[in-house]
């Protein structure tokens, strides 16, 4: 049994910033993770970052 977009659009979660359906939550989680990856890359590129 496959999950459809309709299934994801019919389940909701309440967050401090509003209500999102499951489809929106999946998009948000991936974008948020990508944001942190860019932050990690920025820190690693800093010449003042201590090396091992």
N, C-alpha and C. Protein backbone atom coordinates (compact mmCIF):
# COMPACT_ATOMS: atom_id res chain seq x y z
N UNK A 1 0.85 -1.18 0.00
CA UNK A 1 0.00 0.00 0.00
C UNK A 1 0.90 1.25 0.00
N UNK A 2 0.67 2.13 -0.92
CA UNK A 2 1.47 3.34 -1.05
C UNK A 2 0.78 4.52 -0.37
N UNK A 3 1.58 5.42 0.11
CA UNK A 3 1.04 6.66 0.67
C UNK A 3 0.87 7.64 -0.47
N UNK A 4 -0.28 8.28 -0.52
CA UNK A 4 -0.54 9.24 -1.59
C UNK A 4 -0.42 10.66 -1.06
N UNK A 5 -0.35 11.61 -1.97
CA UNK A 5 -0.32 13.01 -1.55
C UNK A 5 -1.59 13.37 -0.79
N UNK A 6 -2.72 12.77 -1.18
CA UNK A 6 -3.96 13.03 -0.46
C UNK A 6 -3.86 12.59 0.99
N UNK A 7 -3.20 11.43 1.23
CA UNK A 7 -3.02 10.97 2.61
C UNK A 7 -2.23 11.99 3.42
N UNK A 8 -1.18 12.54 2.81
CA UNK A 8 -0.34 13.51 3.51
C UNK A 8 -1.05 14.84 3.73
N UNK A 9 -1.96 15.18 2.85
CA UNK A 9 -2.68 16.46 2.96
C UNK A 9 -3.81 16.40 3.97
N UNK A 10 -4.15 15.20 4.45
CA UNK A 10 -5.30 15.06 5.36
C UNK A 10 -4.90 14.81 6.81
N UNK A 11 -3.63 14.97 7.13
CA UNK A 11 -3.15 14.83 8.51
C UNK A 11 -2.40 16.11 8.87
N UNK A 12 -2.73 16.65 10.03
CA UNK A 12 -2.21 17.95 10.42
C UNK A 12 -1.43 17.89 11.71
N UNK A 13 -0.50 18.84 11.85
CA UNK A 13 0.27 18.97 13.09
C UNK A 13 0.31 20.45 13.46
N UNK A 14 0.21 20.71 14.75
CA UNK A 14 0.24 22.08 15.26
C UNK A 14 1.66 22.39 15.73
N UNK A 15 2.20 23.50 15.25
CA UNK A 15 3.52 23.96 15.63
C UNK A 15 3.40 25.35 16.25
N UNK A 16 4.42 25.81 16.95
CA UNK A 16 4.36 27.16 17.54
C UNK A 16 4.11 28.25 16.49
N UNK A 17 4.51 28.00 15.24
CA UNK A 17 4.36 28.99 14.19
C UNK A 17 3.14 28.75 13.31
N UNK A 18 2.33 27.72 13.62
CA UNK A 18 1.11 27.48 12.86
C UNK A 18 0.83 26.01 12.65
N UNK A 19 -0.19 25.75 11.86
CA UNK A 19 -0.61 24.38 11.55
C UNK A 19 -0.13 24.03 10.15
N UNK A 20 0.41 22.81 10.02
CA UNK A 20 0.87 22.34 8.71
C UNK A 20 0.35 20.93 8.49
N UNK A 21 0.09 20.60 7.22
CA UNK A 21 -0.27 19.21 6.94
C UNK A 21 1.02 18.39 6.79
N UNK A 22 0.89 17.08 6.71
CA UNK A 22 2.05 16.20 6.68
C UNK A 22 2.95 16.47 5.48
N UNK A 23 2.38 16.81 4.35
CA UNK A 23 3.16 17.12 3.15
C UNK A 23 4.05 18.34 3.41
N UNK A 24 3.47 19.37 4.01
CA UNK A 24 4.22 20.59 4.32
C UNK A 24 5.32 20.30 5.35
N UNK A 25 5.03 19.42 6.31
CA UNK A 25 6.03 19.06 7.33
C UNK A 25 7.23 18.40 6.67
N UNK A 26 7.00 17.49 5.72
CA UNK A 26 8.11 16.83 5.03
C UNK A 26 8.96 17.84 4.27
N UNK A 27 8.32 18.78 3.58
CA UNK A 27 9.06 19.81 2.86
C UNK A 27 9.85 20.69 3.82
N UNK A 28 9.23 21.07 4.93
CA UNK A 28 9.89 21.91 5.93
C UNK A 28 11.10 21.21 6.52
N UNK A 29 10.95 19.93 6.88
CA UNK A 29 12.05 19.20 7.51
C UNK A 29 13.25 19.11 6.56
N UNK A 30 13.01 18.85 5.28
CA UNK A 30 14.14 18.74 4.36
C UNK A 30 14.81 20.10 4.15
N UNK A 31 14.03 21.17 4.05
CA UNK A 31 14.61 22.50 3.88
C UNK A 31 15.38 22.92 5.14
N UNK A 32 14.85 22.60 6.30
CA UNK A 32 15.50 22.96 7.55
C UNK A 32 16.83 22.22 7.69
N UNK A 33 16.84 20.95 7.33
CA UNK A 33 18.08 20.16 7.37
C UNK A 33 19.11 20.76 6.42
N UNK A 34 18.68 21.13 5.22
CA UNK A 34 19.59 21.74 4.25
C UNK A 34 20.20 23.02 4.80
N UNK A 35 19.40 23.80 5.51
CA UNK A 35 19.90 25.04 6.11
C UNK A 35 21.03 24.74 7.09
N UNK A 36 20.85 23.70 7.91
CA UNK A 36 21.90 23.35 8.88
C UNK A 36 23.15 22.83 8.19
N UNK A 37 22.99 22.13 7.09
CA UNK A 37 24.16 21.65 6.34
C UNK A 37 24.98 22.84 5.86
N UNK A 38 24.32 23.88 5.34
CA UNK A 38 25.04 25.08 4.91
C UNK A 38 25.74 25.75 6.08
N UNK A 39 25.10 25.77 7.24
CA UNK A 39 25.72 26.37 8.42
C UNK A 39 26.97 25.59 8.83
N UNK A 40 26.90 24.27 8.78
CA UNK A 40 28.06 23.44 9.13
C UNK A 40 29.20 23.69 8.15
N UNK A 41 28.88 23.75 6.86
CA UNK A 41 29.91 24.01 5.85
C UNK A 41 30.56 25.38 6.06
N UNK A 42 29.76 26.35 6.46
CA UNK A 42 30.29 27.69 6.71
C UNK A 42 31.27 27.68 7.89
N UNK A 43 30.90 26.99 8.95
CA UNK A 43 31.78 26.90 10.13
C UNK A 43 33.06 26.16 9.77
N UNK A 44 32.95 25.07 9.04
CA UNK A 44 34.14 24.29 8.67
C UNK A 44 35.08 25.09 7.77
N UNK A 45 34.55 26.01 6.98
CA UNK A 45 35.37 26.81 6.07
C UNK A 45 36.06 27.97 6.78
N UNK A 46 35.69 28.27 8.00
CA UNK A 46 36.27 29.37 8.75
C UNK A 46 37.74 29.06 9.05
N UNK A 47 38.65 29.94 8.65
CA UNK A 47 40.09 29.68 8.90
C UNK A 47 40.44 29.65 10.39
N UNK A 48 39.59 30.19 11.24
CA UNK A 48 39.85 30.18 12.68
C UNK A 48 39.34 28.92 13.38
N UNK A 49 38.73 28.03 12.62
CA UNK A 49 38.26 26.77 13.21
C UNK A 49 39.46 25.93 13.60
N UNK A 50 39.53 25.51 14.84
CA UNK A 50 40.68 24.68 15.26
C UNK A 50 40.73 23.38 14.47
N UNK A 51 41.93 23.02 14.05
CA UNK A 51 42.14 21.75 13.32
C UNK A 51 42.57 20.70 14.32
N UNK A 52 42.31 19.45 14.00
CA UNK A 52 42.72 18.34 14.89
C UNK A 52 44.20 18.15 14.88
